[in-house]
């Protein structure tokens, strides 16, 4: 389920189907992201730039944002998350083995550990199995589409 939270500086999107419960948002910015509070997102508790930086670190792509008047980049970026998935940011197509488009939105995470029950998408199973990078290799790919 996709929800949105807005004030006059930022709109935050949360897709519960993509959320892997990594806990990065509520650990990094608990005054904004508090899963025990309803609503769990309080955009007035921090500056929009701070909120953006936390959302940019969401490994699953469950959190996204839009800034009024800001244009989206046409670049597609794939970033390797240490001991986690590949985070894909930008508009691109993901096609399943049956040749069908998978609705991913503009940010999603691809499994690297092989244990996801939502293949090829990450479901957080890397936490459960204790997946660790054998030889950490920084990877970031960016391409204009």
C-alpha atoms as a PDB file:
ATOM      1  CA  UNK A   1       0.000   0.000   0.000  1.00  0.00           C
ATOM      2  CA  UNK A   2       1.346   3.429  -0.942  1.00  0.00           C
ATOM      3  CA  UNK A   3       0.757   6.429   1.329  1.00  0.00           C
ATOM      4  CA  UNK A   4       1.897  10.022   1.110  1.00  0.00           C
ATOM      5  CA  UNK A   5       2.580  12.731   3.683  1.00  0.00           C
ATOM      6  CA  UNK A   6       2.862  16.404   2.698  1.00  0.00           C
ATOM      7  CA  UNK A   7       3.632  19.860   3.927  1.00  0.00           C
ATOM      8  CA  UNK A   8       4.437  22.932   1.817  1.00  0.00           C
ATOM      9  CA  UNK A   9       8.148  21.956   1.457  1.00  0.00           C
ATOM     10  CA  UNK A  10       8.129  18.221   0.720  1.00  0.00           C
ATOM     11  CA  UNK A  11       5.874  15.273  -0.067  1.00  0.00           C
ATOM     12  CA  UNK A  12       7.060  11.902   1.247  1.00  0.00           C
ATOM     13  CA  UNK A  13       5.825   8.643  -0.252  1.00  0.00           C
ATOM     14  CA  UNK A  14       5.918   5.338   1.610  1.00  0.00           C
ATOM     15  CA  UNK A  15       5.206   2.017  -0.085  1.00  0.00           C
ATOM     16  CA  UNK A  16       4.605  -0.590   2.634  1.00  0.00           C
ATOM     17  CA  UNK A  17       4.889  -3.403   0.063  1.00  0.00           C
ATOM     18  CA  UNK A  18       8.519  -2.423  -0.604  1.00  0.00           C
ATOM     19  CA  UNK A  19       9.502  -1.774   3.012  1.00  0.00           C
ATOM     20  CA  UNK A  20      11.996  -4.344   4.295  1.00  0.00           C
ATOM     21  CA  UNK A  21      12.088  -2.943   7.830  1.00  0.00           C
ATOM     22  CA  UNK A  22      15.765  -2.003   7.679  1.00  0.00           C
ATOM     23  CA  UNK A  23      15.068   0.668  10.294  1.00  0.00           C
ATOM     24  CA  UNK A  24      17.374   3.260   8.765  1.00  0.00           C
ATOM     25  CA  UNK A  25      14.760   6.019   8.657  1.00  0.00           C
ATOM     26  CA  UNK A  26      13.586   5.764  12.267  1.00  0.00           C
ATOM     27  CA  UNK A  27      17.139   5.319  13.586  1.00  0.00           C
ATOM     28  CA  UNK A  28      18.558   8.244  11.600  1.00  0.00           C
ATOM     29  CA  UNK A  29      15.621  10.615  12.114  1.00  0.00           C
ATOM     30  CA  UNK A  30      13.265   9.361  14.848  1.00  0.00           C
ATOM     31  CA  UNK A  31      11.539  12.719  15.322  1.00  0.00           C
ATOM     32  CA  UNK A  32      10.268  12.466  11.722  1.00  0.00           C
ATOM     33  CA  UNK A  33       9.919   8.684  11.295  1.00  0.00           C
ATOM     34  CA  UNK A  34       8.363   6.982  14.333  1.00  0.00           C
ATOM     35  CA  UNK A  35       6.602   3.662  13.598  1.00  0.00           C
ATOM     36  CA  UNK A  36       4.866   3.779  17.009  1.00  0.00           C
ATOM     37  CA  UNK A  37       3.158   7.127  16.260  1.00  0.00           C
ATOM     38  CA  UNK A  38       0.141   7.684  13.984  1.00  0.00           C
ATOM     39  CA  UNK A  39       0.685   9.102  11.512  1.00  0.00           C
ATOM     40  CA  UNK A  40       4.205   7.708  11.703  1.00  0.00           C
ATOM     41  CA  UNK A  41       5.702  10.505   9.535  1.00  0.00           C
ATOM     42  CA  UNK A  42       5.945  14.069  10.924  1.00  0.00           C
ATOM     43  CA  UNK A  43       7.395  16.300   8.200  1.00  0.00           C
ATOM     44  CA  UNK A  44       7.370  19.404  10.393  1.00  0.00           C
ATOM     45  CA  UNK A  45       9.946  17.862  12.760  1.00  0.00           C
ATOM     46  CA  UNK A  46      12.947  18.482  10.441  1.00  0.00           C
ATOM     47  CA  UNK A  47      14.117  20.480   7.445  1.00  0.00           C
ATOM     48  CA  UNK A  48      13.207  19.074   4.011  1.00  0.00           C
ATOM     49  CA  UNK A  49      16.909  18.691   3.090  1.00  0.00           C
ATOM     50  CA  UNK A  50      17.529  16.524   6.172  1.00  0.00           C
ATOM     51  CA  UNK A  51      14.462  14.406   5.372  1.00  0.00           C
ATOM     52  CA  UNK A  52      15.672  14.004   1.767  1.00  0.00           C
ATOM     53  CA  UNK A  53      19.098  12.786   2.901  1.00  0.00           C
ATOM     54  CA  UNK A  54      17.540  10.102   5.129  1.00  0.00           C
ATOM     55  CA  UNK A  55      15.163   8.987   2.364  1.00  0.00           C
ATOM     56  CA  UNK A  56      18.086   8.792  -0.072  1.00  0.00           C
ATOM     57  CA  UNK A  57      19.570   6.155   2.273  1.00  0.00           C
ATOM     58  CA  UNK A  58      16.449   3.968   2.305  1.00  0.00           C
ATOM     59  CA  UNK A  59      17.819   0.670   0.969  1.00  0.00           C
ATOM     60  CA  UNK A  60      14.518  -0.697  -0.350  1.00  0.00           C
ATOM     61  CA  UNK A  61      13.094   2.355  -2.070  1.00  0.00           C
ATOM     62  CA  UNK A  62      10.002   2.155   0.137  1.00  0.00           C
ATOM     63  CA  UNK A  63      10.459   5.851   0.930  1.00  0.00           C
ATOM     64  CA  UNK A  64      10.511   8.509  -1.759  1.00  0.00           C
ATOM     65  CA  UNK A  65       9.940  12.240  -1.968  1.00  0.00           C
ATOM     66  CA  UNK A  66       8.972  15.099  -4.226  1.00  0.00           C
ATOM     67  CA  UNK A  67       9.936  18.723  -3.694  1.00  0.00           C
ATOM     68  CA  UNK A  68       7.500  21.279  -5.146  1.00  0.00           C
ATOM     69  CA  UNK A  69       8.992  22.803  -8.309  1.00  0.00           C
ATOM     70  CA  UNK A  70      11.985  20.429  -8.419  1.00  0.00           C
ATOM     71  CA  UNK A  71      12.511  18.484 -11.640  1.00  0.00           C
ATOM     72  CA  UNK A  72      13.325  14.774 -11.488  1.00  0.00           C
ATOM     73  CA  UNK A  73      16.607  13.571 -12.944  1.00  0.00           C
ATOM     74  CA  UNK A  74      16.410  11.351 -16.008  1.00  0.00           C
ATOM     75  CA  UNK A  75      19.435   9.396 -14.818  1.00  0.00           C
ATOM     76  CA  UNK A  76      19.061   5.815 -13.650  1.00  0.00           C
ATOM     77  CA  UNK A  77      21.420   4.978 -10.791  1.00  0.00           C
ATOM     78  CA  UNK A  78      22.245   1.536  -9.407  1.00  0.00           C
ATOM     79  CA  UNK A  79      24.002   1.559  -6.054  1.00  0.00           C
ATOM     80  CA  UNK A  80      25.333  -1.457  -4.153  1.00  0.00           C
ATOM     81  CA  UNK A  81      24.245  -1.291  -0.512  1.00  0.00           C
ATOM     82  CA  UNK A  82      26.879  -2.773   1.830  1.00  0.00           C
ATOM     83  CA  UNK A  83      25.711  -6.218   2.949  1.00  0.00           C
ATOM     84  CA  UNK A  84      22.392  -5.577   1.200  1.00  0.00           C
ATOM     85  CA  UNK A  85      20.632  -5.134  -2.142  1.00  0.00           C
ATOM     86  CA  UNK A  86      21.267  -3.139  -5.294  1.00  0.00           C
ATOM     87  CA  UNK A  87      19.262   0.079  -4.971  1.00  0.00           C
ATOM     88  CA  UNK A  88      17.895   1.264  -8.334  1.00  0.00           C
ATOM     89  CA  UNK A  89      16.835   4.909  -8.566  1.00  0.00           C
ATOM     90  CA  UNK A  90      15.233   6.459 -11.640  1.00  0.00           C
ATOM     91  CA  UNK A  91      12.610   5.449 -14.161  1.00  0.00           C
ATOM     92  CA  UNK A  92      13.504   2.138 -15.760  1.00  0.00           C
ATOM     93  CA  UNK A  93      11.723  -1.074 -16.699  1.00  0.00           C
ATOM     94  CA  UNK A  94      12.042  -4.294 -14.759  1.00  0.00           C
ATOM     95  CA  UNK A  95      10.776  -7.263 -16.758  1.00  0.00           C
ATOM     96  CA  UNK A  96      10.038 -10.593 -15.067  1.00  0.00           C
ATOM     97  CA  UNK A  97      10.886 -14.025 -16.511  1.00  0.00           C
ATOM     98  CA  UNK A  98       7.466 -14.167 -18.216  1.00  0.00           C
ATOM     99  CA  UNK A  99       8.274 -10.965 -20.110  1.00  0.00           C
ATOM    100  CA  UNK A 100       5.872  -8.841 -18.053  1.00  0.00           C
ATOM    101  CA  UNK A 101       6.646  -5.402 -16.642  1.00  0.00           C
ATOM    102  CA  UNK A 102       7.014  -5.325 -12.861  1.00  0.00           C
ATOM    103  CA  UNK A 103       5.533  -2.186 -11.276  1.00  0.00           C
ATOM    104  CA  UNK A 104       8.493  -0.856  -9.290  1.00  0.00           C
ATOM    105  CA  UNK A 105       8.021   2.909  -9.251  1.00  0.00           C
ATOM    106  CA  UNK A 106      11.092   5.115  -9.492  1.00  0.00           C
ATOM    107  CA  UNK A 107      13.079   3.439  -6.677  1.00  0.00           C
ATOM    108  CA  UNK A 108      13.412  -0.245  -5.876  1.00  0.00           C
ATOM    109  CA  UNK A 109      15.896  -2.771  -4.506  1.00  0.00           C
ATOM    110  CA  UNK A 110      17.169  -5.885  -6.269  1.00  0.00           C
ATOM    111  CA  UNK A 111      18.193  -8.905  -4.202  1.00  0.00           C
ATOM    112  CA  UNK A 112      21.906  -9.765  -4.038  1.00  0.00           C
ATOM    113  CA  UNK A 113      21.792 -12.503  -1.398  1.00  0.00           C
ATOM    114  CA  UNK A 114      19.589 -14.957  -3.311  1.00  0.00           C
ATOM    115  CA  UNK A 115      17.222 -15.559  -0.375  1.00  0.00           C
ATOM    116  CA  UNK A 116      14.404 -13.121  -1.194  1.00  0.00           C
ATOM    117  CA  UNK A 117      10.910 -14.550  -1.407  1.00  0.00           C
ATOM    118  CA  UNK A 118      10.022 -11.669  -3.741  1.00  0.00           C
ATOM    119  CA  UNK A 119      12.743 -12.267  -6.358  1.00  0.00           C
ATOM    120  CA  UNK A 120      14.179 -10.363  -8.052  1.00  0.00           C
ATOM    121  CA  UNK A 121      13.155  -7.694  -5.522  1.00  0.00           C
ATOM    122  CA  UNK A 122      14.715  -7.506  -2.080  1.00  0.00           C
ATOM    123  CA  UNK A 123      12.442  -8.400   0.837  1.00  0.00           C
ATOM    124  CA  UNK A 124      15.014  -7.944   3.613  1.00  0.00           C
ATOM    125  CA  UNK A 125      15.989 -11.618   3.749  1.00  0.00           C
ATOM    126  CA  UNK A 126      19.667 -10.609   3.738  1.00  0.00           C
ATOM    127  CA  UNK A 127      19.172  -9.577   7.396  1.00  0.00           C
ATOM    128  CA  UNK A 128      17.620 -12.939   8.272  1.00  0.00           C
ATOM    129  CA  UNK A 129      20.407 -15.016   6.701  1.00  0.00           C
ATOM    130  CA  UNK A 130      23.270 -12.736   7.789  1.00  0.00           C
ATOM    131  CA  UNK A 131      24.384 -11.910   4.238  1.00  0.00           C
ATOM    132  CA  UNK A 132      27.736 -10.120   4.143  1.00  0.00           C
ATOM    133  CA  UNK A 133      29.772  -8.857   1.213  1.00  0.00           C
ATOM    134  CA  UNK A 134      32.723 -11.227   0.726  1.00  0.00           C
ATOM    135  CA  UNK A 135      34.928  -8.521  -0.679  1.00  0.00           C
ATOM    136  CA  UNK A 136      33.305  -5.088  -0.409  1.00  0.00           C
ATOM    137  CA  UNK A 137      33.398  -3.496  -3.833  1.00  0.00           C
ATOM    138  CA  UNK A 138      32.024  -0.003  -4.194  1.00  0.00           C
ATOM    139  CA  UNK A 139      29.580   0.058  -7.065  1.00  0.00           C
ATOM    140  CA  UNK A 140      27.584   2.931  -8.353  1.00  0.00           C
ATOM    141  CA  UNK A 141      26.340   3.072 -11.939  1.00  0.00           C
ATOM    142  CA  UNK A 142      24.542   6.018 -13.440  1.00  0.00           C
ATOM    143  CA  UNK A 143      23.142   6.316 -16.949  1.00  0.00           C
ATOM    144  CA  UNK A 144      20.986   8.860 -18.703  1.00  0.00           C
ATOM    145  CA  UNK A 145      17.931   7.368 -20.319  1.00  0.00           C
END
